[in-house]
Protein backbone atom coordinates (compact mmCIF):
# COMPACT_ATOMS: atom_id res chain seq x y z
CA MET A 1 -8.50 -2.85 50.00
CA ASP A 2 -11.54 -0.58 49.73
CA GLU A 3 -9.24 2.45 49.38
CA ILE A 4 -7.38 0.79 46.52
CA ILE A 5 -10.63 0.04 44.69
CA LYS A 6 -11.86 3.61 45.20
CA ASN A 7 -8.60 5.03 43.88
CA LEU A 8 -8.54 2.69 40.87
CA THR A 9 -12.15 3.55 40.10
CA SER A 10 -11.26 7.24 40.33
CA LEU A 11 -8.36 6.66 37.92
CA PHE A 12 -10.60 4.81 35.50
CA ILE A 13 -13.21 7.57 35.47
CA ALA A 14 -10.53 10.26 35.15
CA GLY A 15 -8.90 8.34 32.29
CA LEU A 16 -12.17 8.14 30.37
CA ALA A 17 -12.87 11.81 30.99
CA LEU A 18 -9.36 12.65 29.81
CA GLN A 19 -9.87 10.77 26.55
CA GLN A 20 -12.99 12.80 25.87
CA LEU A 21 -11.30 16.04 26.88
CA LEU A 22 -8.37 15.42 24.53
CA GLU A 23 -10.70 15.13 21.55
CA LEU A 24 -11.19 18.91 21.66
CA PRO A 25 -7.58 20.11 21.30
CA ASP A 26 -6.86 17.24 18.92
CA ALA A 27 -9.63 18.38 16.59
CA PHE A 28 -8.58 22.04 16.71
CA LEU A 29 -4.89 21.32 16.27
CA SER A 30 -5.61 19.08 13.29
CA LEU A 31 -7.21 22.05 11.49
CA SER A 32 -3.94 23.97 11.31
CA ALA A 33 -0.80 22.67 9.61
CA THR A 34 1.20 25.12 11.74
CA TYR A 35 0.38 23.26 14.97
CA GLU A 36 0.32 19.75 13.53
CA LYS A 37 3.96 19.09 14.39
CA TYR A 38 3.39 20.28 17.98
CA LYS A 39 0.10 18.46 18.43
CA LYS A 40 1.51 15.47 20.32
CA LEU A 41 3.41 17.68 22.75
CA ILE A 42 0.41 19.93 23.35
CA ILE A 43 -1.86 16.92 23.93
CA LYS A 44 0.63 15.44 26.43
CA VAL A 45 0.88 18.73 28.34
CA VAL A 46 -2.92 19.08 28.48
CA ALA A 47 -3.17 15.47 29.69
CA PHE A 48 -0.58 16.00 32.42
CA VAL A 49 -2.19 19.24 33.64
CA PHE A 50 -5.59 17.52 33.71
CA GLY A 51 -4.16 14.51 35.55
CA MET A 52 -2.49 16.67 38.17
CA PHE A 53 -5.65 18.74 38.62
CA VAL A 54 -7.81 15.67 39.15
CA VAL A 55 -5.40 13.95 41.51
CA ALA A 56 -4.59 17.04 43.57
CA ASN A 57 -8.25 17.99 43.99
CA GLY A 58 -9.50 14.43 44.41
CA GLN A 59 -6.78 13.37 46.85
CA VAL A 60 -6.11 10.20 44.86
CA HIS A 61 -3.07 8.32 46.15
CA LEU A 62 -1.82 5.08 44.66
CA LEU A 63 1.37 3.92 46.30
CA ASN A 64 0.37 4.90 49.82
CA ALA A 65 -3.00 3.16 49.29
CA ILE A 66 -1.22 -0.17 48.71
CA GLY A 67 1.05 0.22 51.70
CA GLY A 68 3.95 2.08 50.13
CA LYS A 69 5.86 4.55 52.23
CA ILE A 70 6.34 7.53 49.94
CA ASP A 71 6.03 11.27 50.29
CA PRO A 72 2.41 12.27 49.53
CA ASN A 73 3.60 14.94 47.08
CA ILE A 74 5.54 12.37 45.05
CA ASP A 75 2.56 10.01 45.23
CA THR A 76 0.38 12.81 43.84
CA ILE A 77 2.78 13.42 40.94
CA LEU A 78 2.95 9.71 40.12
CA ALA A 79 -0.84 9.40 40.26
CA GLY A 80 -1.11 12.47 38.00
CA LEU A 81 1.16 10.78 35.48
CA VAL A 82 -0.97 7.65 35.61
CA VAL A 83 -4.13 9.67 34.98
CA SER A 84 -2.42 11.53 32.13
CA GLY A 85 -1.88 8.14 30.48
CA GLY A 86 -5.65 7.81 30.12
CA ALA A 87 -7.43 4.47 30.01
CA GLU A 88 -4.24 2.79 28.76
CA SER A 89 -2.61 3.34 32.17
CA PHE A 90 -5.63 1.90 33.92
CA ASN A 91 -5.56 -1.17 31.66
CA SER A 92 -1.88 -1.71 32.49
CA ILE A 93 -2.63 -1.58 36.22
CA ILE A 94 -5.48 -4.07 35.83
CA LYS A 95 -3.22 -6.45 33.86
CA PHE A 96 -0.56 -6.20 36.56
CA LEU A 97 -3.10 -6.95 39.28
CA GLY A 98 -4.30 -9.95 37.25
CA TYR A 99 -0.74 -11.28 36.98
CA ALA A 100 -0.18 -10.74 40.69
CA LYS A 101 -3.40 -12.63 41.47
CA GLU A 102 -2.38 -15.56 39.26
CA ASN A 103 1.08 -15.72 40.86
CA LYS A 104 -0.52 -15.74 44.30
CA LYS A 105 -2.83 -18.59 43.29
CA ALA A 106 0.08 -20.57 41.86
CA ALA A 107 2.13 -20.04 45.03
CA ALA A 108 -0.80 -21.14 47.20
CA ALA A 109 -1.35 -24.25 45.07
CA THR A 110 2.34 -25.16 45.31
CA SER A 111 2.32 -24.63 49.06
CA THR A 112 -0.76 -26.86 49.41
CA ASN A 113 0.83 -29.58 47.27
CA VAL A 114 4.05 -29.52 49.30
CA ALA A 115 2.14 -29.72 52.58
CA GLY A 116 0.02 -32.60 51.26
CA THR A 117 3.08 -34.51 50.04
CA MET A 118 4.82 -34.05 53.38
CA ALA A 119 1.76 -35.27 55.28
CA LEU A 120 1.52 -38.34 53.01
CA ARG A 121 5.21 -39.17 53.58
CA GLU A 122 4.76 -38.87 57.35
CA MET A 123 1.84 -41.28 57.21
CA GLN A 124 3.87 -43.74 55.14
CA LEU A 125 6.73 -43.62 57.64
CA LYS A 126 4.46 -44.52 60.55
């Protein structure tokens, strides 16, 4: 679990840094009407290159950290794509983890209720 938290924290920091980094090319590209139509593509390429650089040099792995069995190179590419999504990607991961936590709580509550009901029925039968 500690590895997952470290990797998610790394992604969060990288996502914030990426948002700040992308302000530079965005500002420059907005100055020229020639590059305005290519701005989105250029920003996406810069984001992906940055994400891959951070992940490859920081050895950030996502799927293998949560127990997935995937080639480390593919894990690196996927993590690079997540970083290139900026803070939005991180927010999506946090939402997913929140949903997973709620589902786990609901399943545990249902299991406890079923066990309690069964124990009550056994006592009534005796």
